[in-house]
PDB file of N, CA and C in Angstrom:
ATOM      1  N   MET A   1     124.806-237.715 -24.492  1.00  0.00           N
ATOM      2  CA  MET A   1     123.794-236.876 -23.296  1.00  0.00           C
ATOM      3  C   MET A   1     124.300-235.353 -23.733  1.00  0.00           C
ATOM      4  N   GLN A   2     123.097-234.606 -23.618  1.00  0.00           N
ATOM      5  CA  GLN A   2     123.573-233.552 -23.718  1.00  0.00           C
ATOM      6  C   GLN A   2     123.531-232.560 -22.393  1.00  0.00           C
ATOM      7  N   ASP A   3     124.711-231.458 -22.603  1.00  0.00           N
ATOM      8  CA  ASP A   3     125.422-230.805 -21.415  1.00  0.00           C
ATOM      9  C   ASP A   3     123.890-230.182 -20.428  1.00  0.00           C
ATOM     10  N   GLU A   4     122.959-229.737 -20.834  1.00  0.00           N
ATOM     11  CA  GLU A   4     121.765-229.309 -20.086  1.00  0.00           C
ATOM     12  C   GLU A   4     121.215-230.638 -19.198  1.00  0.00           C
ATOM     13  N   ALA A   5     121.142-231.516 -19.991  1.00  0.00           N
ATOM     14  CA  ALA A   5     120.762-232.781 -19.129  1.00  0.00           C
ATOM     15  C   ALA A   5     121.483-233.368 -17.845  1.00  0.00           C
ATOM     16  N   ARG A   6     123.049-233.037 -17.705  1.00  0.00           N
ATOM     17  CA  ARG A   6     123.763-233.581 -16.990  1.00  0.00           C
ATOM     18  C   ARG A   6     123.568-232.405 -16.018  1.00  0.00           C
ATOM     19  N   ILE A   7     123.835-233.271 -14.514  1.00  0.00           N
ATOM     20  CA  ILE A   7     123.833-232.135 -13.434  1.00  0.00           C
ATOM     21  C   ILE A   7     125.680-231.588 -13.382  1.00  0.00           C
ATOM     22  N   TRP A   8     125.223-230.151 -13.451  1.00  0.00           N
ATOM     23  CA  TRP A   8     127.079-229.737 -13.508  1.00  0.00           C
ATOM     24  C   TRP A   8     127.084-229.260 -11.768  1.00  0.00           C
ATOM     25  N   SER A   9     128.391-229.414 -11.634  1.00  0.00           N
ATOM     26  CA  SER A   9     128.680-228.634 -10.246  1.00  0.00           C
ATOM     27  C   SER A   9     130.158-227.879 -10.320  1.00  0.00           C
ATOM     28  N   LEU A  10     129.957-227.120  -9.211  1.00  0.00           N
ATOM     29  CA  LEU A  10     131.269-225.982  -8.905  1.00  0.00           C
ATOM     30  C   LEU A  10     131.839-226.817  -7.971  1.00  0.00           C
ATOM     31  N   TYR A  11     133.521-226.239  -8.184  1.00  0.00           N
ATOM     32  CA  TYR A  11     134.347-226.946  -7.438  1.00  0.00           C
ATOM     33  C   TYR A  11     135.405-225.935  -7.341  1.00  0.00           C
ATOM     34  N   VAL A  12     135.976-226.060  -6.219  1.00  0.00           N
ATOM     35  CA  VAL A  12     136.930-225.394  -5.837  1.00  0.00           C
ATOM     36  C   VAL A  12     138.415-225.887  -5.560  1.00  0.00           C
ATOM     37  N   ILE A  13     139.388-225.648  -5.904  1.00  0.00           N
ATOM     38  CA  ILE A  13     140.478-226.443  -5.793  1.00  0.00           C
ATOM     39  C   ILE A  13     141.670-225.694  -4.790  1.00  0.00           C
ATOM     40  N   GLU A  14     141.995-226.009  -3.559  1.00  0.00           N
ATOM     41  CA  GLU A  14     143.117-225.485  -3.242  1.00  0.00           C
ATOM     42  C   GLU A  14     144.667-225.894  -3.913  1.00  0.00           C
ATOM     43  N   CYS A  15     145.435-224.726  -4.141  1.00  0.00           N
ATOM     44  CA  CYS A  15     146.779-224.639  -5.021  1.00  0.00           C
ATOM     45  C   CYS A  15     147.996-224.607  -3.941  1.00  0.00           C
ATOM     46  N   ASP A  16     148.922-225.167  -4.439  1.00  0.00           N
ATOM     47  CA  ASP A  16     150.137-225.473  -3.203  1.00  0.00           C
ATOM     48  C   ASP A  16     150.441-223.951  -2.837  1.00  0.00           C
ATOM     49  N   ASP A  17     150.135-222.898  -3.779  1.00  0.00           N
ATOM     50  CA  ASP A  17     150.749-221.478  -3.321  1.00  0.00           C
ATOM     51  C   ASP A  17     149.255-220.936  -2.153  1.00  0.00           C
ATOM     52  N   GLY A  18     148.587-221.380  -2.058  1.00  0.00           N
ATOM     53  CA  GLY A  18     147.333-221.337  -1.168  1.00  0.00           C
ATOM     54  C   GLY A  18     146.154-220.233  -1.919  1.00  0.00           C
ATOM     55  N   SER A  19     146.507-220.658  -3.143  1.00  0.00           N
ATOM     56  CA  SER A  19     145.486-219.790  -3.884  1.00  0.00           C
ATOM     57  C   SER A  19     144.247-220.817  -3.803  1.00  0.00           C
ATOM     58  N   CYS A  20     143.317-220.275  -4.744  1.00  0.00           N
ATOM     59  CA  CYS A  20     142.055-221.381  -4.566  1.00  0.00           C
ATOM     60  C   CYS A  20     141.807-221.300  -6.781  1.00  0.00           C
ATOM     61  N   TYR A  21     141.300-222.364  -6.998  1.00  0.00           N
ATOM     62  CA  TYR A  21     141.103-222.357  -8.462  1.00  0.00           C
ATOM     63  C   TYR A  21     139.256-222.641  -8.319  1.00  0.00           C
ATOM     64  N   THR A  22     138.396-222.025  -9.004  1.00  0.00           N
ATOM     65  CA  THR A  22     137.181-222.537  -9.224  1.00  0.00           C
ATOM     66  C   THR A  22     136.961-222.786 -10.698  1.00  0.00           C
ATOM     67  N   GLY A  23     136.120-223.615 -10.774  1.00  0.00           N
ATOM     68  CA  GLY A  23     135.546-223.948 -11.839  1.00  0.00           C
ATOM     69  C   GLY A  23     134.285-224.834 -12.130  1.00  0.00           C
ATOM     70  N   ILE A  24     133.929-225.383 -13.136  1.00  0.00           N
ATOM     71  CA  ILE A  24     132.695-226.078 -12.958  1.00  0.00           C
ATOM     72  C   ILE A  24     132.837-227.277 -14.094  1.00  0.00           C
ATOM     73  N   SER A  25     132.105-228.431 -13.897  1.00  0.00           N
ATOM     74  CA  SER A  25     131.908-229.401 -14.547  1.00  0.00           C
ATOM     75  C   SER A  25     131.265-230.499 -14.333  1.00  0.00           C
ATOM     76  N   PRO A  26     130.598-231.424 -14.915  1.00  0.00           N
ATOM     77  CA  PRO A  26     129.967-232.628 -14.767  1.00  0.00           C
ATOM     78  C   PRO A  26     130.102-233.528 -13.635  1.00  0.00           C
ATOM     79  N   ASP A  27     131.678-233.744 -13.675  1.00  0.00           N
ATOM     80  CA  ASP A  27     132.577-234.581 -12.638  1.00  0.00           C
ATOM     81  C   ASP A  27     133.650-233.860 -11.828  1.00  0.00           C
ATOM     82  N   PRO A  28     133.558-233.442 -11.094  1.00  0.00           N
ATOM     83  CA  PRO A  28     134.378-232.554 -10.370  1.00  0.00           C
ATOM     84  C   PRO A  28     135.797-233.233  -9.984  1.00  0.00           C
ATOM     85  N   VAL A  29     135.443-234.675  -9.689  1.00  0.00           N
ATOM     86  CA  VAL A  29     136.418-235.312  -9.053  1.00  0.00           C
ATOM     87  C   VAL A  29     137.417-235.826 -10.222  1.00  0.00           C
ATOM     88  N   LYS A  30     137.079-235.833 -11.482  1.00  0.00           N
ATOM     89  CA  LYS A  30     137.841-236.721 -12.585  1.00  0.00           C
ATOM     90  C   LYS A  30     138.331-235.032 -13.458  1.00  0.00           C
ATOM     91  N   ARG A  31     137.842-234.003 -13.197  1.00  0.00           N
ATOM     92  CA  ARG A  31     138.099-232.567 -13.504  1.00  0.00           C
ATOM     93  C   ARG A  31     139.361-232.275 -12.566  1.00  0.00           C
ATOM     94  N   TYR A  32     139.627-232.501 -11.078  1.00  0.00           N
ATOM     95  CA  TYR A  32     140.590-232.290 -10.299  1.00  0.00           C
ATOM     96  C   TYR A  32     141.765-233.436 -10.606  1.00  0.00           C
ATOM     97  N   GLU A  33     141.443-234.606 -10.577  1.00  0.00           N
ATOM     98  CA  GLU A  33     142.631-235.440 -11.425  1.00  0.00           C
ATOM     99  C   GLU A  33     143.254-235.010 -12.844  1.00  0.00           C
ATOM    100  N   ASN A  34     142.184-234.334 -13.690  1.00  0.00           N
ATOM    101  CA  ASN A  34     142.881-233.895 -14.599  1.00  0.00           C
ATOM    102  C   ASN A  34     143.647-232.482 -14.499  1.00  0.00           C
ATOM    103  N   HIS A  35     143.353-231.980 -13.274  1.00  0.00           N
ATOM    104  CA  HIS A  35     143.722-230.602 -13.047  1.00  0.00           C
ATOM    105  C   HIS A  35     145.372-230.831 -12.398  1.00  0.00           C
ATOM    106  N   CYS A  36     145.180-232.067 -12.103  1.00  0.00           N
ATOM    107  CA  CYS A  36     146.483-232.762 -10.959  1.00  0.00           C
ATOM    108  C   CYS A  36     147.452-233.362 -12.087  1.00  0.00           C
ATOM    109  N   ALA A  37     147.266-233.631 -13.063  1.00  0.00           N
ATOM    110  CA  ALA A  37     147.853-234.350 -14.383  1.00  0.00           C
ATOM    111  C   ALA A  37     148.406-233.342 -15.186  1.00  0.00           C
ATOM    112  N   GLY A  38     148.075-232.127 -14.943  1.00  0.00           N
ATOM    113  CA  GLY A  38     148.697-231.268 -16.028  1.00  0.00           C
ATOM    114  C   GLY A  38     147.696-230.851 -16.902  1.00  0.00           C
ATOM    115  N   ARG A  39     146.520-231.275 -17.078  1.00  0.00           N
ATOM    116  CA  ARG A  39     145.391-231.352 -18.221  1.00  0.00           C
ATOM    117  C   ARG A  39     144.137-230.464 -17.939  1.00  0.00           C
ATOM    118  N   GLY A  40     144.964-229.711 -16.954  1.00  0.00           N
ATOM    119  CA  GLY A  40     143.388-228.722 -16.616  1.00  0.00           C
ATOM    120  C   GLY A  40     143.734-227.116 -17.122  1.00  0.00           C
ATOM    121  N   ALA A  41     143.207-226.345 -16.317  1.00  0.00           N
ATOM    122  CA  ALA A  41     143.463-224.638 -16.805  1.00  0.00           C
ATOM    123  C   ALA A  41     144.874-224.525 -16.682  1.00  0.00           C
ATOM    124  N   ALA A  42     145.245-223.886 -17.480  1.00  0.00           N
ATOM    125  CA  ALA A  42     146.462-222.915 -17.180  1.00  0.00           C
ATOM    126  C   ALA A  42     147.064-222.663 -16.041  1.00  0.00           C
ATOM    127  N   TYR A  43     146.123-221.840 -15.166  1.00  0.00           N
ATOM    128  CA  TYR A  43     146.261-221.773 -13.923  1.00  0.00           C
ATOM    129  C   TYR A  43     147.003-223.130 -13.187  1.00  0.00           C
ATOM    130  N   THR A  44     146.075-223.957 -13.070  1.00  0.00           N
ATOM    131  CA  THR A  44     146.507-225.240 -12.433  1.00  0.00           C
ATOM    132  C   THR A  44     147.768-225.459 -12.872  1.00  0.00           C
ATOM    133  N   ARG A  45     148.551-225.377 -14.165  1.00  0.00           N
ATOM    134  CA  ARG A  45     149.563-226.192 -14.588  1.00  0.00           C
ATOM    135  C   ARG A  45     150.365-225.342 -13.690  1.00  0.00           C
ATOM    136  N   SER A  46     150.177-223.982 -13.470  1.00  0.00           N
ATOM    137  CA  SER A  46     151.536-223.365 -12.973  1.00  0.00           C
ATOM    138  C   SER A  46     151.395-222.657 -11.271  1.00  0.00           C
ATOM    139  N   HIS A  47     149.921-223.464 -10.711  1.00  0.00           N
ATOM    140  CA  HIS A  47     149.716-223.590  -9.643  1.00  0.00           C
ATOM    141  C   HIS A  47     149.236-224.826  -9.213  1.00  0.00           C
ATOM    142  N   LYS A  48     150.486-225.396  -8.754  1.00  0.00           N
ATOM    143  CA  LYS A  48     150.093-227.026  -8.418  1.00  0.00           C
ATOM    144  C   LYS A  48     148.498-227.180  -7.391  1.00  0.00           C
ATOM    145  N   PRO A  49     147.865-228.197  -8.227  1.00  0.00           N
ATOM    146  CA  PRO A  49     146.675-228.813  -7.228  1.00  0.00           C
ATOM    147  C   PRO A  49     147.522-229.436  -5.876  1.00  0.00           C
ATOM    148  N   ARG A  50     146.526-228.936  -4.715  1.00  0.00           N
ATOM    149  CA  ARG A  50     146.718-229.965  -3.354  1.00  0.00           C
ATOM    150  C   ARG A  50     145.271-230.476  -3.085  1.00  0.00           C
ATOM    151  N   ALA A  51     144.629-229.638  -3.026  1.00  0.00           N
ATOM    152  CA  ALA A  51     143.046-230.527  -2.776  1.00  0.00           C
ATOM    153  C   ALA A  51     142.027-229.856  -3.457  1.00  0.00           C
ATOM    154  N   LEU A  52     141.107-230.888  -3.546  1.00  0.00           N
ATOM    155  CA  LEU A  52     139.906-230.941  -3.847  1.00  0.00           C
ATOM    156  C   LEU A  52     139.054-230.162  -2.387  1.00  0.00           C
ATOM    157  N   LEU A  53     138.521-228.925  -2.560  1.00  0.00           N
ATOM    158  CA  LEU A  53     137.770-228.037  -1.283  1.00  0.00           C
ATOM    159  C   LEU A  53     136.468-228.289  -1.163  1.00  0.00           C
ATOM    160  N   VAL A  54     135.723-228.152  -2.259  1.00  0.00           N
ATOM    161  CA  VAL A  54     134.378-227.937  -2.255  1.00  0.00           C
ATOM    162  C   VAL A  54     133.916-228.952  -3.643  1.00  0.00           C
ATOM    163  N   SER A  55     132.959-229.241  -3.654  1.00  0.00           N
ATOM    164  CA  SER A  55     132.611-230.051  -5.042  1.00  0.00           C
ATOM    165  C   SER A  55     130.856-229.844  -4.942  1.00  0.00           C
ATOM    166  N   GLU A  56     130.229-228.853  -5.197  1.00  0.00           N
ATOM    167  CA  GLU A  56     129.062-228.554  -5.020  1.00  0.00           C
ATOM    168  C   GLU A  56     127.909-228.372  -6.185  1.00  0.00           C
ATOM    169  N   PRO A  57     127.110-229.885  -6.211  1.00  0.00           N
ATOM    170  CA  PRO A  57     126.074-229.955  -7.104  1.00  0.00           C
ATOM    171  C   PRO A  57     125.528-228.550  -7.571  1.00  0.00           C
ATOM    172  N   VAL A  58     125.069-228.401  -8.882  1.00  0.00           N
ATOM    173  CA  VAL A  58     124.384-226.790  -9.005  1.00  0.00           C
ATOM    174  C   VAL A  58     123.241-227.034  -9.881  1.00  0.00           C
ATOM    175  N   GLY A  59     123.120-227.863 -10.891  1.00  0.00           N
ATOM    176  CA  GLY A  59     122.301-228.152 -11.680  1.00  0.00           C
ATOM    177  C   GLY A  59     122.352-228.123 -13.123  1.00  0.00           C
ATOM    178  N   THR A  60     121.928-227.377 -14.221  1.00  0.00           N
ATOM    179  CA  THR A  60     122.361-227.057 -15.484  1.00  0.00           C
ATOM    180  C   THR A  60     123.769-226.204 -15.921  1.00  0.00           C
ATOM    181  N   TYR A  61     124.009-226.414 -16.662  1.00  0.00           N
ATOM    182  CA  TYR A  61     125.369-225.901 -17.324  1.00  0.00           C
ATOM    183  C   TYR A  61     125.179-224.095 -17.041  1.00  0.00           C
ATOM    184  N   SER A  62     124.255-223.498 -17.151  1.00  0.00           N
ATOM    185  CA  SER A  62     123.490-222.193 -17.087  1.00  0.00           C
ATOM    186  C   SER A  62     123.817-221.731 -15.580  1.00  0.00           C
ATOM    187  N   GLU A  63     123.148-222.716 -14.893  1.00  0.00           N
ATOM    188  CA  GLU A  63     123.168-222.298 -13.362  1.00  0.00           C
ATOM    189  C   GLU A  63     124.809-222.305 -12.904  1.00  0.00           C
ATOM    190  N   ALA A  64     125.342-223.408 -13.334  1.00  0.00           N
ATOM    191  CA  ALA A  64     126.680-223.687 -13.162  1.00  0.00           C
ATOM    192  C   ALA A  64     127.595-222.472 -13.413  1.00  0.00           C
ATOM    193  N   LEU A  65     127.443-221.771 -14.316  1.00  0.00           N
ATOM    194  CA  LEU A  65     127.961-220.727 -15.060  1.00  0.00           C
ATOM    195  C   LEU A  65     127.851-219.818 -13.958  1.00  0.00           C
ATOM    196  N   ARG A  66     126.396-218.943 -13.919  1.00  0.00           N
ATOM    197  CA  ARG A  66     126.222-218.441 -12.971  1.00  0.00           C
ATOM    198  C   ARG A  66     126.768-218.268 -11.386  1.00  0.00           C
ATOM    199  N   ARG A  67     127.074-219.639 -10.812  1.00  0.00           N
ATOM    200  CA  ARG A  67     127.398-219.958  -9.480  1.00  0.00           C
ATOM    201  C   ARG A  67     128.837-219.412  -9.353  1.00  0.00           C
ATOM    202  N   GLU A  68     129.594-220.385 -10.632  1.00  0.00           N
ATOM    203  CA  GLU A  68     130.924-219.738 -10.663  1.00  0.00           C
ATOM    204  C   GLU A  68     131.290-218.531 -10.959  1.00  0.00           C
ATOM    205  N   TRP A  69     130.445-217.353 -11.511  1.00  0.00           N
ATOM    206  CA  TRP A  69     130.722-216.261 -11.782  1.00  0.00           C
ATOM    207  C   TRP A  69     130.563-215.481 -10.413  1.00  0.00           C
ATOM    208  N   GLN A  70     129.436-216.153  -9.570  1.00  0.00           N
ATOM    209  CA  GLN A  70     129.400-215.241  -8.178  1.00  0.00           C
ATOM    210  C   GLN A  70     130.341-215.611  -7.281  1.00  0.00           C
ATOM    211  N   VAL A  71     131.096-217.301  -7.264  1.00  0.00           N
ATOM    212  CA  VAL A  71     132.275-217.326  -6.630  1.00  0.00           C
ATOM    213  C   VAL A  71     133.240-216.556  -6.577  1.00  0.00           C
ATOM    214  N   LYS A  72     133.477-216.842  -7.945  1.00  0.00           N
ATOM    215  CA  LYS A  72     134.824-215.769  -8.403  1.00  0.00           C
ATOM    216  C   LYS A  72     134.921-214.765  -8.246  1.00  0.00           C
ATOM    217  N   ARG A  73     133.712-214.136  -7.921  1.00  0.00           N
ATOM    218  CA  ARG A  73     133.744-212.584  -7.415  1.00  0.00           C
ATOM    219  C   ARG A  73     134.009-212.188  -6.138  1.00  0.00           C
ATOM    220  N   LEU A  74     133.943-213.325  -4.819  1.00  0.00           N
ATOM    221  CA  LEU A  74     134.146-213.239  -3.845  1.00  0.00           C
ATOM    222  C   LEU A  74     135.643-212.850  -3.522  1.00  0.00           C
ATOM    223  N   SER A  75     135.878-211.787  -2.197  1.00  0.00           N
ATOM    224  CA  SER A  75     137.109-211.609  -1.976  1.00  0.00           C
ATOM    225  C   SER A  75     137.806-212.833  -1.534  1.00  0.00           C
ATOM    226  N   LYS A  76     138.839-213.007  -1.433  1.00  0.00           N
ATOM    227  CA  LYS A  76     139.313-214.103  -0.731  1.00  0.00           C
ATOM    228  C   LYS A  76     139.250-214.317   1.036  1.00  0.00           C
ATOM    229  N   ALA A  77     138.580-213.331   1.721  1.00  0.00           N
ATOM    230  CA  ALA A  77     137.872-213.857   3.266  1.00  0.00           C
ATOM    231  C   ALA A  77     136.508-214.473   2.650  1.00  0.00           C
ATOM    232  N   ALA A  78     135.881-214.052   1.965  1.00  0.00           N
ATOM    233  CA  ALA A  78     134.595-214.584   1.773  1.00  0.00           C
ATOM    234  C   ALA A  78     134.614-215.673   1.261  1.00  0.00           C
ATOM    235  N   LYS A  79     135.487-215.847  -0.129  1.00  0.00           N
ATOM    236  CA  LYS A  79     135.788-217.209  -0.442  1.00  0.00           C
ATOM    237  C   LYS A  79     136.458-218.132   0.627  1.00  0.00           C
ATOM    238  N   GLN A  80     136.594-217.945   1.669  1.00  0.00           N
ATOM    239  CA  GLN A  80     137.567-218.700   2.559  1.00  0.00           C
ATOM    240  C   GLN A  80     136.583-219.213   2.936  1.00  0.00           C
ATOM    241  N   LYS A  81     135.203-218.312   3.711  1.00  0.00           N
ATOM    242  CA  LYS A  81     134.359-218.883   4.403  1.00  0.00           C
ATOM    243  C   LYS A  81     133.333-219.653   3.467  1.00  0.00           C
ATOM    244  N   PHE A  82     133.293-219.450   1.834  1.00  0.00           N
ATOM    245  CA  PHE A  82     132.498-220.184   1.158  1.00  0.00           C
ATOM    246  C   PHE A  82     133.092-222.122   1.399  1.00  0.00           C
ATOM    247  N   VAL A  83     134.123-221.948   1.348  1.00  0.00           N
ATOM    248  CA  VAL A  83     135.365-223.051   1.257  1.00  0.00           C
ATOM    249  C   VAL A  83     134.449-223.777   2.468  1.00  0.00           C
ATOM    250  N   LEU A  84     134.222-223.349   3.808  1.00  0.00           N
ATOM    251  CA  LEU A  84     134.035-223.781   5.321  1.00  0.00           C
ATOM    252  C   LEU A  84     132.445-223.856   4.938  1.00  0.00           C
ATOM    253  N   ASP A  85     131.561-223.500   4.364  1.00  0.00           N
ATOM    254  CA  ASP A  85     130.248-223.859   4.557  1.00  0.00           C
ATOM    255  C   ASP A  85     129.581-223.083   3.291  1.00  0.00           C
ATOM    256  N   PRO A  86     129.479-223.975   2.131  1.00  0.00           N
ATOM    257  CA  PRO A  86     129.056-224.131   0.739  1.00  0.00           C
ATOM    258  C   PRO A  86     127.541-223.399   0.656  1.00  0.00           C
ATOM    259  N   GLY A  87     126.832-223.811   1.533  1.00  0.00           N
ATOM    260  CA  GLY A  87     125.327-223.216   1.913  1.00  0.00           C
ATOM    261  C   GLY A  87     125.003-222.242   2.455  1.00  0.00           C
ATOM    262  N   ALA A  88     126.286-221.461   2.623  1.00  0.00           N
ATOM    263  CA  ALA A  88     125.890-220.272   3.453  1.00  0.00           C
ATOM    264  C   ALA A  88     126.025-218.967   2.416  1.00  0.00           C
ATOM    265  N   LEU A  89     126.246-219.364   1.098  1.00  0.00           N
ATOM    266  CA  LEU A  89     126.232-218.455   0.311  1.00  0.00           C
ATOM    267  C   LEU A  89     125.107-218.770  -0.521  1.00  0.00           C
ATOM    268  N   PRO A  90     124.242-217.563  -0.756  1.00  0.00           N
ATOM    269  CA  PRO A  90     122.704-218.174  -1.410  1.00  0.00           C
ATOM    270  C   PRO A  90     123.510-218.081  -2.962  1.00  0.00           C
ATOM    271  N   PRO A  91     121.957-218.793  -3.738  1.00  0.00           N
ATOM    272  CA  PRO A  91     122.616-218.953  -4.914  1.00  0.00           C
ATOM    273  C   PRO A  91     122.146-217.462  -5.686  1.00  0.00           C
ATOM    274  N   PRO A  92     122.779-217.366  -6.554  1.00  0.00           N
ATOM    275  CA  PRO A  92     123.138-216.564  -7.848  1.00  0.00           C
ATOM    276  C   PRO A  92     121.661-215.309  -7.924  1.00  0.00           C
ATOM    277  N   PRO A  93     120.809-214.458  -8.080  1.00  0.00           N
ATOM    278  CA  PRO A  93     119.563-214.425  -8.110  1.00  0.00           C
ATOM    279  C   PRO A  93     119.127-214.298  -9.753  1.00  0.00           C
ATOM    280  N   GLU A  94     118.339-214.903  -9.838  1.00  0.00           N
ATOM    281  CA  GLU A  94     117.785-215.088 -11.108  1.00  0.00           C
ATOM    282  C   GLU A  94     116.912-213.841 -11.648  1.00  0.00           C
ATOM    283  N   ASP A  95     117.745-212.734 -11.538  1.00  0.00           N
ATOM    284  CA  ASP A  95     116.953-211.518 -12.208  1.00  0.00           C
ATOM    285  C   ASP A  95     117.186-211.340 -13.378  1.00  0.00           C
ATOM    286  N   GLY A  96     117.709-212.133 -14.252  1.00  0.00           N
ATOM    287  CA  GLY A  96     118.160-211.940 -16.027  1.00  0.00           C
ATOM    288  C   GLY A  96     119.482-211.693 -16.369  1.00  0.00           C
ATOM    289  N   ARG A  97     119.948-211.319 -15.152  1.00  0.00           N
ATOM    290  CA  ARG A  97     121.501-210.681 -15.644  1.00  0.00           C
ATOM    291  C   ARG A  97     122.925-211.855 -16.010  1.00  0.00           C
ATOM    292  N   THR A  98     123.373-211.356 -16.867  1.00  0.00           N
ATOM    293  CA  THR A  98     124.419-212.147 -17.188  1.00  0.00           C
ATOM    294  C   THR A  98     125.782-212.250 -16.521  1.00  0.00           C
ATOM    295  N   CYS A  99     126.596-212.926 -16.783  1.00  0.00           N
ATOM    296  CA  CYS A  99     127.961-212.720 -16.295  1.00  0.00           C
ATOM    297  C   CYS A  99     128.611-211.533 -16.032  1.00  0.00           C
ATOM    298  N   LEU A 100     128.485-210.381 -17.144  1.00  0.00           N
ATOM    299  CA  LEU A 100     128.781-209.094 -17.522  1.00  0.00           C
ATOM    300  C   LEU A 100     128.017-208.062 -16.302  1.00  0.00           C
ATOM    301  N   GLY A 101     126.680-208.470 -15.436  1.00  0.00           N
ATOM    302  CA  GLY A 101     126.044-207.800 -14.987  1.00  0.00           C
ATOM    303  C   GLY A 101     124.881-207.091 -15.782  1.00  0.00           C
ATOM    304  N   ARG A 102     124.780-207.470 -16.981  1.00  0.00           N
ATOM    305  CA  ARG A 102     124.163-206.565 -17.917  1.00  0.00           C
ATOM    306  C   ARG A 102     122.386-207.719 -18.081  1.00  0.00           C
ATOM    307  N   LYS A 103     121.573-206.628 -18.154  1.00  0.00           N
ATOM    308  CA  LYS A 103     120.521-207.709 -18.215  1.00  0.00           C
ATOM    309  C   LYS A 103     119.894-208.329 -19.690  1.00  0.00           C
ATOM    310  N   ARG A 104     119.486-209.419 -19.992  1.00  0.00           N
ATOM    311  CA  ARG A 104     119.162-209.462 -20.934  1.00  0.00           C
ATOM    312  C   ARG A 104     117.919-209.055 -21.998  1.00  0.00           C
ATOM    313  N   ARG A 105     118.268-209.154 -22.826  1.00  0.00           N
ATOM    314  CA  ARG A 105     117.118-208.590 -23.678  1.00  0.00           C
ATOM    315  C   ARG A 105     115.936-209.304 -24.229  1.00  0.00           C
TER     316      ARG A 105
END
């Protein structure tokens, strides 16, 4: 199955030091288990995962990347609000901007 055919999700993991890690995956529960087992991102190998706080189905891989970029740009306070109510954060704009904020040609 191609990546674009799968439903991708955004996930947020709380780490032991109180920080949060945000990522995307077609299977966030399995990805969380990988993080817990030390097979995830370098960040979660040095900041041990405590809980999977958010698992939000997004859509295609590209849509999930845009959502991840949007959430990672939030302040700590805004990210805490997002964790409590993921639906309160509107989806990223469909204005053709890339993760770098530049318009596509």
